Structures are given as structure tokens and as C-alpha cells.
């Protein structure tokens, strides 16, 4: 179990690096609009994908692994997992991470979003919560 968690943590750290790169690029773009260029749209889409991937990896792999390491019988919902993560200091705020989780679902299916500008603004605003995570096995 410890080896698998360490592997998930390393993969998450890589995903954080990729997300940080996209975050720097997207925060240097002009405001998203209908006149955004294809290159700008590509940067935004890449960023949204990396946001979704990193947040999913952290919640589903790392947090779940930490929870199971702490309590091998842990079999609860994502909400319970987020609350446990907050309790143990693995995340700062369960409510923020619940919103990150919701947006991950939206970003993964962004073709059905009516207001992409609002989605991207919220993804950008929440990204620091993903980037600030530092985790070690037995944390």
C-alpha cells in the first residue's frame, strides 16, 4: 500500500508541475471572450484539462490512499473523504475542494457549458488550492 501511495504522490506532483505551467500561461492571456484566438482557446482547454487531471488524481488517488493508510476500513463518499482530508490537514477546506471536484466534472465536459468565461475564471481562481498541496506518504 505504501509503495502505491508513494507512486500516486509522485504522479500527482508531476501533474501539479504541468498545471502550474498551464496556469502561468493562462493567467498571462487577455480576458477570455468570443474573439479569443485559436491559440488562446488551446491554452485555456489545456489548462482546464490539467486542472481536471490534477484535482482528480489528488482526490481519487492521493487523498483516498492517505485515508486508507490512516484507516484501512475507510469506505466512504467523496464528501466524507474531503472532510477527513480537512480534519487531518491534507486539504485546507473541504468546501473549496468540493467545488474543485464539481468544476472538474464541468471542465471534463466543457462542451456543454454555456458560459466558458465564467468556468475559466473559477478554474483560475481555484488552481492555487491544488498547487499549494504538499504531501508525503505517512503525512
Protein backbone atom coordinates (compact mmCIF):
# COMPACT_ATOMS: atom_id res chain seq x y z
CA UNK A 1 0.00 0.00 0.00
CA UNK A 2 2.80 2.41 0.96
CA UNK A 3 4.55 1.90 -2.39
CA UNK A 4 1.35 2.52 -4.35
CA UNK A 5 0.61 5.71 -2.39
CA UNK A 6 4.16 6.96 -2.98
CA UNK A 7 3.68 6.32 -6.71
CA UNK A 8 0.38 8.24 -6.71
CA UNK A 9 2.04 11.12 -4.88
CA UNK A 10 4.85 11.31 -7.45
CA UNK A 11 2.35 11.28 -10.32
CA UNK A 12 0.34 14.00 -8.58
CA UNK A 13 3.46 16.14 -8.15
CA UNK A 14 4.12 15.84 -11.89
CA UNK A 15 0.54 16.81 -12.64
CA UNK A 16 0.97 19.83 -10.34
CA UNK A 17 4.02 20.88 -12.36
CA UNK A 18 2.09 20.61 -15.61
CA UNK A 19 -0.84 22.51 -14.10
CA UNK A 20 1.49 25.24 -12.81
CA UNK A 21 2.92 25.67 -16.31
CA UNK A 22 -0.56 25.99 -17.84
CA UNK A 23 -1.67 28.27 -15.01
CA UNK A 24 1.20 30.69 -15.73
CA UNK A 25 0.27 30.70 -19.42
CA UNK A 26 -3.45 31.18 -18.87
CA UNK A 27 -3.01 33.99 -16.34
CA UNK A 28 -0.96 35.91 -18.91
CA UNK A 29 -3.76 35.75 -21.51
CA UNK A 30 -6.12 38.63 -22.12
CA UNK A 31 -9.63 38.07 -20.81
CA UNK A 32 -11.44 35.19 -22.49
CA UNK A 33 -14.04 36.29 -25.00
CA UNK A 34 -15.71 35.25 -28.22
CA UNK A 35 -12.82 36.94 -30.02
CA UNK A 36 -10.19 34.70 -28.39
CA UNK A 37 -7.79 33.22 -30.90
CA UNK A 38 -7.47 29.50 -31.54
CA UNK A 39 -4.10 29.59 -29.77
CA UNK A 40 -5.67 31.21 -26.70
CA UNK A 41 -8.50 28.69 -26.72
CA UNK A 42 -5.98 25.88 -26.92
CA UNK A 43 -4.14 27.25 -23.88
CA UNK A 44 -7.42 27.50 -21.95
CA UNK A 45 -8.51 24.00 -22.90
CA UNK A 46 -5.14 22.54 -21.95
CA UNK A 47 -5.31 24.36 -18.63
CA UNK A 48 -8.84 23.06 -17.94
CA UNK A 49 -7.74 19.52 -18.76
CA UNK A 50 -4.73 19.76 -16.47
CA UNK A 51 -6.88 21.23 -13.70
CA UNK A 52 -9.29 18.30 -14.02
CA UNK A 53 -6.49 15.73 -14.13
CA UNK A 54 -4.56 17.09 -11.15
CA UNK A 55 -7.62 17.54 -8.95
CA UNK A 56 -8.92 14.07 -9.82
CA UNK A 57 -5.55 12.50 -9.14
CA UNK A 58 -5.27 14.19 -5.78
CA UNK A 59 -8.75 13.34 -4.54
CA UNK A 60 -9.18 9.86 -6.02
CA UNK A 61 -5.64 8.56 -5.64
CA UNK A 62 -3.69 10.52 -3.05
CA UNK A 63 -6.40 11.52 -0.57
CA UNK A 64 -8.03 8.11 -0.81
CA UNK A 65 -4.63 6.47 -0.32
CA UNK A 66 -3.88 8.63 2.72
CA UNK A 67 -7.32 7.83 4.15
CA UNK A 68 -6.81 4.10 3.66
CA UNK A 69 -3.34 4.29 5.16
CA UNK A 70 -4.84 6.07 8.17
CA UNK A 71 -7.90 3.79 8.37
CA UNK A 72 -7.75 0.60 6.25
CA UNK A 73 -11.52 0.13 6.64
CA UNK A 74 -12.33 3.59 5.22
CA UNK A 75 -15.06 3.22 2.57
CA UNK A 76 -16.97 6.49 2.46
CA UNK A 77 -18.20 9.04 -0.04
CA UNK A 78 -16.10 11.75 -1.66
CA UNK A 79 -17.66 14.28 0.71
CA UNK A 80 -16.60 12.19 3.70
CA UNK A 81 -13.15 11.83 2.18
CA UNK A 82 -12.85 15.60 1.78
CA UNK A 83 -13.93 16.17 5.37
CA UNK A 84 -11.38 13.62 6.56
CA UNK A 85 -8.75 15.37 4.43
CA UNK A 86 -9.58 18.67 6.11
CA UNK A 87 -9.54 17.07 9.57
CA UNK A 88 -6.04 15.68 9.02
CA UNK A 89 -4.73 18.78 7.26
CA UNK A 90 -4.35 17.15 3.84
CA UNK A 91 -6.53 19.91 2.40
CA UNK A 92 -7.26 23.35 3.84
CA UNK A 93 -11.00 23.45 3.18
CA UNK A 94 -13.40 20.64 2.30
CA UNK A 95 -15.96 23.05 0.82
CA UNK A 96 -13.40 24.53 -1.57
CA UNK A 97 -12.35 21.05 -2.65
CA UNK A 98 -15.96 20.06 -3.14
CA UNK A 99 -16.25 22.98 -5.59
CA UNK A 100 -12.98 21.94 -7.24
CA UNK A 101 -14.47 18.48 -7.66
CA UNK A 102 -17.67 19.90 -9.18
CA UNK A 103 -15.68 22.05 -11.60
CA UNK A 104 -13.52 19.08 -12.54
CA UNK A 105 -16.69 17.40 -13.76
CA UNK A 106 -17.74 20.51 -15.68
CA UNK A 107 -14.27 21.05 -17.16
CA UNK A 108 -14.13 17.44 -18.32
CA UNK A 109 -17.31 18.09 -20.32
CA UNK A 110 -16.82 21.76 -21.12
CA UNK A 111 -18.53 21.46 -24.48
CA UNK A 112 -21.84 21.61 -22.60
CA UNK A 113 -21.03 24.80 -20.65
CA UNK A 114 -22.90 27.92 -21.71
CA UNK A 115 -20.54 30.39 -20.02
CA UNK A 116 -16.96 29.27 -20.65
CA UNK A 117 -15.54 32.60 -19.47
CA UNK A 118 -17.08 32.08 -16.04
CA UNK A 119 -15.81 28.49 -15.91
CA UNK A 120 -12.26 29.52 -16.78
CA UNK A 121 -12.30 32.37 -14.25
CA UNK A 122 -13.34 29.98 -11.49
CA UNK A 123 -10.78 27.35 -12.52
CA UNK A 124 -8.08 30.02 -12.42
CA UNK A 125 -9.25 31.23 -9.02
CA UNK A 126 -9.23 27.71 -7.54
CA UNK A 127 -5.96 26.49 -9.05
CA UNK A 128 -3.79 27.80 -6.19
CA UNK A 129 -5.59 25.34 -3.87
CA UNK A 130 -4.26 22.48 -5.99
CA UNK A 131 -0.81 23.96 -6.41
CA UNK A 132 -0.33 24.60 -2.68
CA UNK A 133 -0.66 20.90 -1.77
CA UNK A 134 2.47 19.30 -0.40
CA UNK A 135 2.14 15.70 0.59
CA UNK A 136 4.36 12.85 1.69
CA UNK A 137 3.46 9.25 2.50
CA UNK A 138 2.56 8.96 6.20
CA UNK A 139 1.65 12.68 6.14
